[in-house]
C-alpha atoms as a PDB file:
ATOM      1  CA  UNK A   1       5.464 -10.013 -15.430  1.00  0.00           C
ATOM      2  CA  UNK A   2       6.089  -6.667 -13.751  1.00  0.00           C
ATOM      3  CA  UNK A   3       6.040  -6.362  -9.993  1.00  0.00           C
ATOM      4  CA  UNK A   4       3.561  -3.928  -8.472  1.00  0.00           C
ATOM      5  CA  UNK A   5       4.276  -0.875  -6.303  1.00  0.00           C
ATOM      6  CA  UNK A   6       1.304   1.071  -4.950  1.00  0.00           C
ATOM      7  CA  UNK A   7       1.048   4.628  -3.640  1.00  0.00           C
ATOM      8  CA  UNK A   8      -2.150   5.064  -1.643  1.00  0.00           C
ATOM      9  CA  UNK A   9      -3.690   8.362  -0.569  1.00  0.00           C
ATOM     10  CA  UNK A  10      -6.019   7.881   2.403  1.00  0.00           C
ATOM     11  CA  UNK A  11      -8.999  10.183   2.892  1.00  0.00           C
ATOM     12  CA  UNK A  12     -10.259   9.097   6.310  1.00  0.00           C
ATOM     13  CA  UNK A  13      -9.131   7.301   9.455  1.00  0.00           C
ATOM     14  CA  UNK A  14      -8.736   3.542   9.129  1.00  0.00           C
ATOM     15  CA  UNK A  15     -11.476   1.307  10.542  1.00  0.00           C
ATOM     16  CA  UNK A  16     -12.029  -2.438  10.095  1.00  0.00           C
ATOM     17  CA  UNK A  17     -14.743  -1.579   7.563  1.00  0.00           C
ATOM     18  CA  UNK A  18     -11.898  -1.109   5.068  1.00  0.00           C
ATOM     19  CA  UNK A  19     -10.218  -4.454   5.772  1.00  0.00           C
ATOM     20  CA  UNK A  20     -11.802  -6.117   2.694  1.00  0.00           C
ATOM     21  CA  UNK A  21     -10.220  -3.436   0.472  1.00  0.00           C
ATOM     22  CA  UNK A  22      -6.825  -4.101   2.049  1.00  0.00           C
ATOM     23  CA  UNK A  23      -7.316  -7.848   1.537  1.00  0.00           C
ATOM     24  CA  UNK A  24      -7.977  -7.208  -2.166  1.00  0.00           C
ATOM     25  CA  UNK A  25      -4.812  -5.151  -2.318  1.00  0.00           C
ATOM     26  CA  UNK A  26      -2.776  -7.847  -0.551  1.00  0.00           C
ATOM     27  CA  UNK A  27      -4.116 -10.432  -3.011  1.00  0.00           C
ATOM     28  CA  UNK A  28      -2.449  -8.494  -5.850  1.00  0.00           C
ATOM     29  CA  UNK A  29       0.924  -9.288  -4.193  1.00  0.00           C
ATOM     30  CA  UNK A  30       2.455  -5.824  -4.397  1.00  0.00           C
ATOM     31  CA  UNK A  31       6.148  -5.527  -3.578  1.00  0.00           C
ATOM     32  CA  UNK A  32       5.690  -2.036  -2.099  1.00  0.00           C
ATOM     33  CA  UNK A  33       2.762  -0.118  -0.571  1.00  0.00           C
ATOM     34  CA  UNK A  34       3.267   3.522   0.426  1.00  0.00           C
ATOM     35  CA  UNK A  35       0.490   5.280   2.339  1.00  0.00           C
ATOM     36  CA  UNK A  36       0.038   9.036   2.704  1.00  0.00           C
ATOM     37  CA  UNK A  37      -2.869  11.148   3.868  1.00  0.00           C
ATOM     38  CA  UNK A  38      -5.293  10.882   6.764  1.00  0.00           C
ATOM     39  CA  UNK A  39      -4.263   8.347   9.429  1.00  0.00           C
ATOM     40  CA  UNK A  40      -1.773   6.803   6.978  1.00  0.00           C
ATOM     41  CA  UNK A  41       0.214   5.062   9.711  1.00  0.00           C
ATOM     42  CA  UNK A  42      -2.874   3.136  10.846  1.00  0.00           C
ATOM     43  CA  UNK A  43      -3.658   2.144   7.245  1.00  0.00           C
ATOM     44  CA  UNK A  44      -0.099   0.856   6.829  1.00  0.00           C
ATOM     45  CA  UNK A  45      -0.263  -1.135  10.060  1.00  0.00           C
ATOM     46  CA  UNK A  46      -3.620  -2.613   9.056  1.00  0.00           C
ATOM     47  CA  UNK A  47      -2.159  -3.845   5.753  1.00  0.00           C
ATOM     48  CA  UNK A  48       0.757  -5.393   7.636  1.00  0.00           C
ATOM     49  CA  UNK A  49      -1.715  -7.309   9.830  1.00  0.00           C
ATOM     50  CA  UNK A  50      -3.762  -8.401   6.812  1.00  0.00           C
ATOM     51  CA  UNK A  51      -0.627  -9.890   5.275  1.00  0.00           C
ATOM     52  CA  UNK A  52       0.305 -11.621   8.531  1.00  0.00           C
ATOM     53  CA  UNK A  53      -3.207 -13.051   8.930  1.00  0.00           C
ATOM     54  CA  UNK A  54      -3.174 -14.566   5.441  1.00  0.00           C
ATOM     55  CA  UNK A  55      -0.434 -16.949   6.550  1.00  0.00           C
ATOM     56  CA  UNK A  56       1.545 -16.361   3.361  1.00  0.00           C
ATOM     57  CA  UNK A  57       5.279 -16.816   3.137  1.00  0.00           C
ATOM     58  CA  UNK A  58       7.239 -13.846   4.372  1.00  0.00           C
ATOM     59  CA  UNK A  59       8.855 -13.558   0.919  1.00  0.00           C
ATOM     60  CA  UNK A  60       5.441 -12.486  -0.412  1.00  0.00           C
ATOM     61  CA  UNK A  61       4.949  -9.664   2.093  1.00  0.00           C
ATOM     62  CA  UNK A  62       4.936  -6.148   0.693  1.00  0.00           C
ATOM     63  CA  UNK A  63       7.334  -3.558   1.999  1.00  0.00           C
ATOM     64  CA  UNK A  64       5.038  -0.961   3.554  1.00  0.00           C
ATOM     65  CA  UNK A  65       5.657   2.645   4.537  1.00  0.00           C
ATOM     66  CA  UNK A  66       3.635   5.594   5.779  1.00  0.00           C
ATOM     67  CA  UNK A  67       4.362   9.189   4.910  1.00  0.00           C
ATOM     68  CA  UNK A  68       2.445  11.559   7.202  1.00  0.00           C
ATOM     69  CA  UNK A  69       2.738  15.165   6.144  1.00  0.00           C
ATOM     70  CA  UNK A  70       4.293  14.341   2.765  1.00  0.00           C
ATOM     71  CA  UNK A  71       2.656  15.232  -0.518  1.00  0.00           C
ATOM     72  CA  UNK A  72       2.043  12.731  -3.286  1.00  0.00           C
ATOM     73  CA  UNK A  73       5.097  13.768  -5.310  1.00  0.00           C
ATOM     74  CA  UNK A  74       7.407  13.047  -2.368  1.00  0.00           C
ATOM     75  CA  UNK A  75       5.800   9.639  -1.867  1.00  0.00           C
ATOM     76  CA  UNK A  76       6.030   8.864  -5.590  1.00  0.00           C
ATOM     77  CA  UNK A  77       9.731   9.748  -5.537  1.00  0.00           C
ATOM     78  CA  UNK A  78      10.210   7.372  -2.596  1.00  0.00           C
ATOM     79  CA  UNK A  79       8.308   4.585  -4.378  1.00  0.00           C
ATOM     80  CA  UNK A  80      10.352   5.032  -7.545  1.00  0.00           C
ATOM     81  CA  UNK A  81      13.607   4.978  -5.561  1.00  0.00           C
ATOM     82  CA  UNK A  82      12.567   1.730  -3.850  1.00  0.00           C
ATOM     83  CA  UNK A  83      11.445   0.133  -7.117  1.00  0.00           C
ATOM     84  CA  UNK A  84      14.643   0.353  -9.112  1.00  0.00           C
ATOM     85  CA  UNK A  85      15.161  -3.394  -9.579  1.00  0.00           C
ATOM     86  CA  UNK A  86      13.455  -5.124 -12.474  1.00  0.00           C
ATOM     87  CA  UNK A  87      10.234  -3.986 -14.055  1.00  0.00           C
ATOM     88  CA  UNK A  88       7.834  -2.391 -11.594  1.00  0.00           C
ATOM     89  CA  UNK A  89       4.358  -1.087 -12.372  1.00  0.00           C
ATOM     90  CA  UNK A  90       3.521   1.949 -10.210  1.00  0.00           C
ATOM     91  CA  UNK A  91      -0.153   2.285  -9.311  1.00  0.00           C
ATOM     92  CA  UNK A  92      -1.613   5.324  -7.525  1.00  0.00           C
ATOM     93  CA  UNK A  93      -4.957   5.013  -5.795  1.00  0.00           C
ATOM     94  CA  UNK A  94      -7.147   6.696  -3.210  1.00  0.00           C
ATOM     95  CA  UNK A  95      -8.863   4.856  -0.360  1.00  0.00           C
ATOM     96  CA  UNK A  96     -11.654   4.544   0.492  1.00  0.00           C
ATOM     97  CA  UNK A  97     -12.794   5.829  -2.923  1.00  0.00           C
ATOM     98  CA  UNK A  98     -11.032   3.122  -4.930  1.00  0.00           C
ATOM     99  CA  UNK A  99     -12.122   0.053  -3.006  1.00  0.00           C
ATOM    100  CA  UNK A 100     -12.446  -2.053  -6.175  1.00  0.00           C
ATOM    101  CA  UNK A 101      -8.825  -2.972  -6.901  1.00  0.00           C
END
């Protein structure tokens, strides 16, 4: 089974309204989540807290990063560079538009 790396473009500031979408994402057990776009640092931090609050083993935490001011191609290059081991599926999504993961 391939591991999952996700590049997420954010369209609005993070609020707790979007926590259920981040919980769905965390449930997919991605190995990497890269955020870029509006308030991307807050989105990244919120995902970190979601993973902490689940009580899961630290080995199952995703590596997260935020990329303010970077375009999608730069973030995709970063995700590919971090996902060189094994088979990794790269998923690109937009939040909050793509809340059904």
